[in-house]
């Protein structure tokens, strides 16, 4: 197994280097199950990327006009605009879930029910096991008889009120029961750390579309990081991303070659 590492200046630099390198370092597989089953894709064995200045604009890829291809992600898709009922920022940071959606990242991050044994410990007031906090309508709220956590606001408040040296503050998307879904979430978690007064994100995707998914996902996640850093009162920091399934679908290979000006 080869672990491919990229050290990037900003998000567009990470995307370009990864697109360029996968043409040489990706292995070709046939997709057995899930999205695009039966098609081929180039895939890194394991990918890690370190982005030193992820907040540098523009956040989306740079496509020179001479390439003659569109940007894989339109800015309106991220921030909202004509033709989009919901921006990616809303998908990531609000609990709204449309009919037919089995999940959204925002639902998992901002409306996480306290259920099962955890709810019983909560109702019993067992402060030795659970962090009993006030149901304030923002960090914790009640909805349809459930107590729910807004993970984003919980982490912000914890860092603000209890200090920065804390290794527990993980934004968790994955559930064990996701195994029964035909298309479980690709984003599994965003771990966080505050170091040198900067908020750093550690992002893991189980499977990740390099051409359009990576730039859209990271532009949205960077906006989330900036919001949290501002609310905590620290600077925006670096980003480390990882995936055991960063890939380029067959339809995008020709586009990748055009962008990299390769035959």
Protein backbone atom coordinates (compact mmCIF):
# COMPACT_ATOMS: atom_id res chain seq x y z
CA UNK A 1 0.00 0.00 0.00
CA UNK A 2 1.26 3.46 -0.94
CA UNK A 3 0.40 6.46 1.22
CA UNK A 4 0.29 9.50 -1.05
CA UNK A 5 1.05 12.79 0.71
CA UNK A 6 0.52 16.32 -0.57
CA UNK A 7 1.68 19.53 1.10
CA UNK A 8 -0.44 22.34 -0.32
CA UNK A 9 -0.56 26.10 -0.05
CA UNK A 10 -4.36 26.43 -0.28
CA UNK A 11 -7.44 24.46 -1.36
CA UNK A 12 -7.06 24.99 -5.13
CA UNK A 13 -3.41 23.93 -4.86
CA UNK A 14 -4.38 20.74 -3.03
CA UNK A 15 -6.99 19.91 -5.69
CA UNK A 16 -4.63 20.52 -8.61
CA UNK A 17 -1.78 18.50 -7.13
CA UNK A 18 -4.11 15.60 -6.31
CA UNK A 19 -5.69 15.63 -9.80
CA UNK A 20 -2.26 15.78 -11.42
CA UNK A 21 -0.75 13.03 -9.28
CA UNK A 22 -3.62 10.54 -9.44
CA UNK A 23 -3.07 10.16 -13.19
CA UNK A 24 0.31 8.62 -12.33
CA UNK A 25 -0.28 7.13 -8.89
CA UNK A 26 -3.89 6.01 -8.91
CA UNK A 27 -4.84 2.35 -9.30
CA UNK A 28 -7.68 1.45 -11.65
CA UNK A 29 -10.59 -0.38 -10.04
CA UNK A 30 -14.07 -1.45 -11.08
CA UNK A 31 -16.70 -0.17 -8.64
CA UNK A 32 -18.47 -3.23 -7.16
CA UNK A 33 -21.20 -1.52 -5.13
CA UNK A 34 -22.67 1.90 -4.38
CA UNK A 35 -22.55 5.01 -6.54
CA UNK A 36 -21.35 4.34 -10.11
CA UNK A 37 -21.34 0.53 -9.65
CA UNK A 38 -19.80 -1.14 -12.69
CA UNK A 39 -17.74 1.87 -13.74
CA UNK A 40 -13.98 2.22 -13.43
CA UNK A 41 -12.13 4.75 -11.36
CA UNK A 42 -8.59 5.71 -10.48
CA UNK A 43 -8.05 5.61 -6.74
CA UNK A 44 -5.24 6.38 -4.33
CA UNK A 45 -4.36 3.57 -1.91
CA UNK A 46 -4.46 6.14 0.89
CA UNK A 47 -4.36 9.91 0.63
CA UNK A 48 -3.29 12.60 3.07
CA UNK A 49 -3.17 16.31 2.42
CA UNK A 50 -1.89 19.18 4.56
CA UNK A 51 -3.23 22.63 3.64
CA UNK A 52 -1.30 25.49 5.22
CA UNK A 53 -3.68 28.33 4.32
CA UNK A 54 -7.11 26.83 3.56
CA UNK A 55 -8.85 30.18 4.01
CA UNK A 56 -7.06 31.82 1.07
CA UNK A 57 -9.52 32.86 -1.63
CA UNK A 58 -10.64 31.69 -4.07
CA UNK A 59 -11.58 28.46 -2.33
CA UNK A 60 -12.56 26.67 -5.54
CA UNK A 61 -10.27 25.29 -8.28
CA UNK A 62 -8.52 27.55 -10.76
CA UNK A 63 -9.34 26.55 -14.35
CA UNK A 64 -7.35 28.56 -16.95
CA UNK A 65 -9.53 29.63 -19.92
CA UNK A 66 -7.12 27.87 -22.29
CA UNK A 67 -8.25 24.51 -20.87
CA UNK A 68 -11.72 25.02 -22.32
CA UNK A 69 -13.51 23.20 -19.47
CA UNK A 70 -15.87 24.45 -16.76
CA UNK A 71 -14.96 24.67 -13.10
CA UNK A 72 -16.00 21.40 -11.42
CA UNK A 73 -17.87 23.43 -8.78
CA UNK A 74 -19.89 26.59 -9.30
CA UNK A 75 -19.63 29.17 -6.50
CA UNK A 76 -23.44 29.36 -6.35
CA UNK A 77 -23.52 25.66 -5.48
CA UNK A 78 -21.50 26.43 -2.33
CA UNK A 79 -22.95 29.77 -1.30
CA UNK A 80 -26.38 29.76 -2.92
CA UNK A 81 -27.73 31.27 -6.10
CA UNK A 82 -30.03 30.82 -9.05
CA UNK A 83 -30.76 27.20 -9.87
CA UNK A 84 -29.99 25.85 -6.40
CA UNK A 85 -32.75 25.25 -3.85
CA UNK A 86 -30.20 24.77 -1.08
CA UNK A 87 -26.58 25.85 -0.85
CA UNK A 88 -23.89 23.41 0.25
CA UNK A 89 -23.32 25.61 3.31
CA UNK A 90 -26.94 24.95 4.34
CA UNK A 91 -26.51 21.23 3.65
CA UNK A 92 -23.48 21.20 5.96
CA UNK A 93 -24.57 23.56 8.74
CA UNK A 94 -28.38 23.30 9.09
CA UNK A 95 -30.63 20.36 10.05
CA UNK A 96 -32.92 20.61 7.00
CA UNK A 97 -33.40 17.28 5.25
CA UNK A 98 -35.39 17.03 2.02
CA UNK A 99 -37.84 14.19 1.26
CA UNK A 100 -35.95 11.13 0.06
CA UNK A 101 -32.70 12.03 1.82
CA UNK A 102 -31.57 9.38 4.31
CA UNK A 103 -29.27 11.91 5.97
CA UNK A 104 -27.52 15.23 5.49
CA UNK A 105 -24.23 16.24 7.04
CA UNK A 106 -25.98 19.21 8.63
CA UNK A 107 -28.64 17.02 10.23
CA UNK A 108 -25.95 14.84 11.77
CA UNK A 109 -23.92 17.85 12.97
CA UNK A 110 -26.71 20.08 14.29
CA UNK A 111 -29.47 17.66 15.35
CA UNK A 112 -27.93 14.63 17.04
CA UNK A 113 -30.49 12.87 19.30
CA UNK A 114 -29.52 11.74 22.79
CA UNK A 115 -31.05 8.27 22.77
CA UNK A 116 -30.87 4.79 24.26
CA UNK A 117 -28.71 4.32 27.34
CA UNK A 118 -27.28 7.83 27.05
CA UNK A 119 -30.80 9.27 27.36
CA UNK A 120 -31.48 7.08 30.40
CA UNK A 121 -28.27 8.31 32.05
CA UNK A 122 -29.29 11.87 31.19
CA UNK A 123 -32.77 11.48 32.64
CA UNK A 124 -31.26 9.92 35.76
CA UNK A 125 -28.95 12.94 36.18
CA UNK A 126 -25.86 10.74 36.26
CA UNK A 127 -23.18 13.45 36.17
CA UNK A 128 -20.45 10.85 36.56
CA UNK A 129 -21.15 9.54 33.04
CA UNK A 130 -22.76 12.38 31.06
CA UNK A 131 -21.97 16.08 30.87
CA UNK A 132 -25.26 17.48 32.16
CA UNK A 133 -25.83 20.89 30.63
CA UNK A 134 -28.77 23.25 30.47
CA UNK A 135 -31.23 22.72 27.64
CA UNK A 136 -30.85 26.20 26.22
CA UNK A 137 -32.41 25.86 22.76
CA UNK A 138 -29.07 26.34 20.99
CA UNK A 139 -26.47 23.83 22.19
CA UNK A 140 -29.11 21.46 23.52
CA UNK A 141 -32.76 21.53 22.51
CA UNK A 142 -35.91 19.44 22.69
CA UNK A 143 -37.76 18.38 19.56
CA UNK A 144 -40.58 15.84 19.23
CA UNK A 145 -39.84 14.47 22.68
CA UNK A 146 -36.12 14.07 21.96
CA UNK A 147 -33.16 15.89 23.46
CA UNK A 148 -30.80 16.85 20.63
CA UNK A 149 -27.26 18.19 20.49
CA UNK A 150 -25.97 20.77 18.06
CA UNK A 151 -22.42 19.41 17.85
CA UNK A 152 -21.06 22.59 16.29
CA UNK A 153 -22.34 24.79 19.11
CA UNK A 154 -21.41 22.23 21.79
CA UNK A 155 -17.78 22.26 20.67
CA UNK A 156 -17.70 26.06 20.40
CA UNK A 157 -19.02 26.45 23.94
CA UNK A 158 -16.73 23.76 25.36
CA UNK A 159 -13.62 25.41 23.95
CA UNK A 160 -14.78 28.84 25.10
CA UNK A 161 -15.69 27.83 28.63
CA UNK A 162 -13.29 24.97 29.43
CA UNK A 163 -10.08 25.82 27.61
CA UNK A 164 -8.34 24.81 24.43
CA UNK A 165 -6.39 21.69 25.41
CA UNK A 166 -9.13 19.15 24.85
CA UNK A 167 -8.89 15.99 22.71
CA UNK A 168 -12.58 15.10 22.92
CA UNK A 169 -14.01 17.64 20.49
CA UNK A 170 -14.89 15.64 17.36
CA UNK A 171 -17.70 16.53 14.94
CA UNK A 172 -19.10 13.09 14.26
CA UNK A 173 -21.12 12.24 11.16
CA UNK A 174 -20.95 8.43 11.08
CA UNK A 175 -23.31 6.12 12.97
CA UNK A 176 -22.68 2.37 13.36
CA UNK A 177 -26.14 1.74 11.87
CA UNK A 178 -25.04 3.49 8.65
CA UNK A 179 -23.86 0.07 7.50
CA UNK A 180 -27.44 -0.74 6.52
CA UNK A 181 -27.66 2.25 4.15
CA UNK A 182 -27.08 1.62 0.46
CA UNK A 183 -25.12 4.89 0.29
CA UNK A 184 -23.73 5.74 3.75
CA UNK A 185 -22.11 9.12 4.45
CA UNK A 186 -18.73 9.66 2.80
CA UNK A 187 -17.64 12.20 5.43
CA UNK A 188 -17.14 10.29 8.67
CA UNK A 189 -15.82 12.89 11.06
CA UNK A 190 -14.10 16.24 11.48
CA UNK A 191 -11.72 16.17 14.42
CA UNK A 192 -10.65 19.51 15.89
CA UNK A 193 -7.71 20.96 17.76
CA UNK A 194 -6.72 24.42 18.94
CA UNK A 195 -2.98 24.97 18.85
CA UNK A 196 -1.05 28.23 18.85
CA UNK A 197 -4.44 29.99 19.12
CA UNK A 198 -5.61 28.57 15.76
CA UNK A 199 -8.46 26.15 15.08
CA UNK A 200 -7.24 23.15 13.06
CA UNK A 201 -9.49 20.60 11.34
CA UNK A 202 -8.67 16.94 10.71
CA UNK A 203 -11.10 15.65 8.09
CA UNK A 204 -11.69 12.01 7.10
CA UNK A 205 -13.71 10.73 4.13
CA UNK A 206 -14.23 6.98 3.63
CA UNK A 207 -14.77 7.57 -0.12
CA UNK A 208 -14.19 10.83 -1.94
CA UNK A 209 -14.80 12.06 -5.47
CA UNK A 210 -11.71 14.06 -6.38
CA UNK A 211 -13.00 16.00 -9.39
CA UNK A 212 -16.09 17.68 -7.95
CA UNK A 213 -16.57 16.36 -4.44
CA UNK A 214 -13.29 17.34 -2.79
CA UNK A 215 -13.38 21.04 -3.82
CA UNK A 216 -17.05 21.43 -2.87
CA UNK A 217 -16.68 19.60 0.43
CA UNK A 218 -13.56 21.47 1.53
CA UNK A 219 -14.92 24.90 0.56
CA UNK A 220 -17.94 24.23 2.76
CA UNK A 221 -15.89 22.75 5.60
CA UNK A 222 -13.54 25.74 5.48
CA UNK A 223 -16.52 28.05 5.95
CA UNK A 224 -17.60 25.96 8.93
CA UNK A 225 -14.10 26.21 10.39
CA UNK A 226 -14.03 29.98 9.99
CA UNK A 227 -17.42 30.29 11.71
CA UNK A 228 -16.31 28.13 14.64
CA UNK A 229 -12.95 29.89 15.01
CA UNK A 230 -14.66 33.27 15.10
CA UNK A 231 -17.20 32.10 17.69
CA UNK A 232 -14.50 30.52 19.87
CA UNK A 233 -12.29 33.62 19.58
CA UNK A 234 -9.25 32.07 17.90
CA UNK A 235 -7.68 32.38 14.47
CA UNK A 236 -8.48 30.16 11.51
CA UNK A 237 -5.85 27.45 11.19
CA UNK A 238 -4.60 24.66 8.98
CA UNK A 239 -6.47 21.65 7.63
CA UNK A 240 -5.37 18.03 7.36
CA UNK A 241 -7.49 15.76 5.16
CA UNK A 242 -7.38 11.99 4.70
CA UNK A 243 -9.18 9.31 2.70
CA UNK A 244 -8.74 5.64 1.93
CA UNK A 245 -10.89 6.17 -1.17
CA UNK A 246 -10.01 9.42 -2.96
CA UNK A 247 -10.77 8.68 -6.59
CA UNK A 248 -11.33 10.00 -10.09
CA UNK A 249 -14.21 8.46 -12.02
CA UNK A 250 -13.66 7.41 -15.59
CA UNK A 251 -15.78 10.24 -17.03
CA UNK A 252 -13.50 12.80 -15.35
CA UNK A 253 -10.16 11.41 -16.51
CA UNK A 254 -10.23 13.27 -19.82
CA UNK A 255 -11.16 16.47 -17.98
CA UNK A 256 -8.28 15.92 -15.57
CA UNK A 257 -5.86 15.50 -18.47
CA UNK A 258 -7.12 18.72 -20.06
CA UNK A 259 -6.70 20.64 -16.79
CA UNK A 260 -3.19 19.28 -16.31
CA UNK A 261 -2.39 19.84 -20.01
CA UNK A 262 -1.39 16.22 -20.41
CA UNK A 263 -1.99 13.82 -23.29
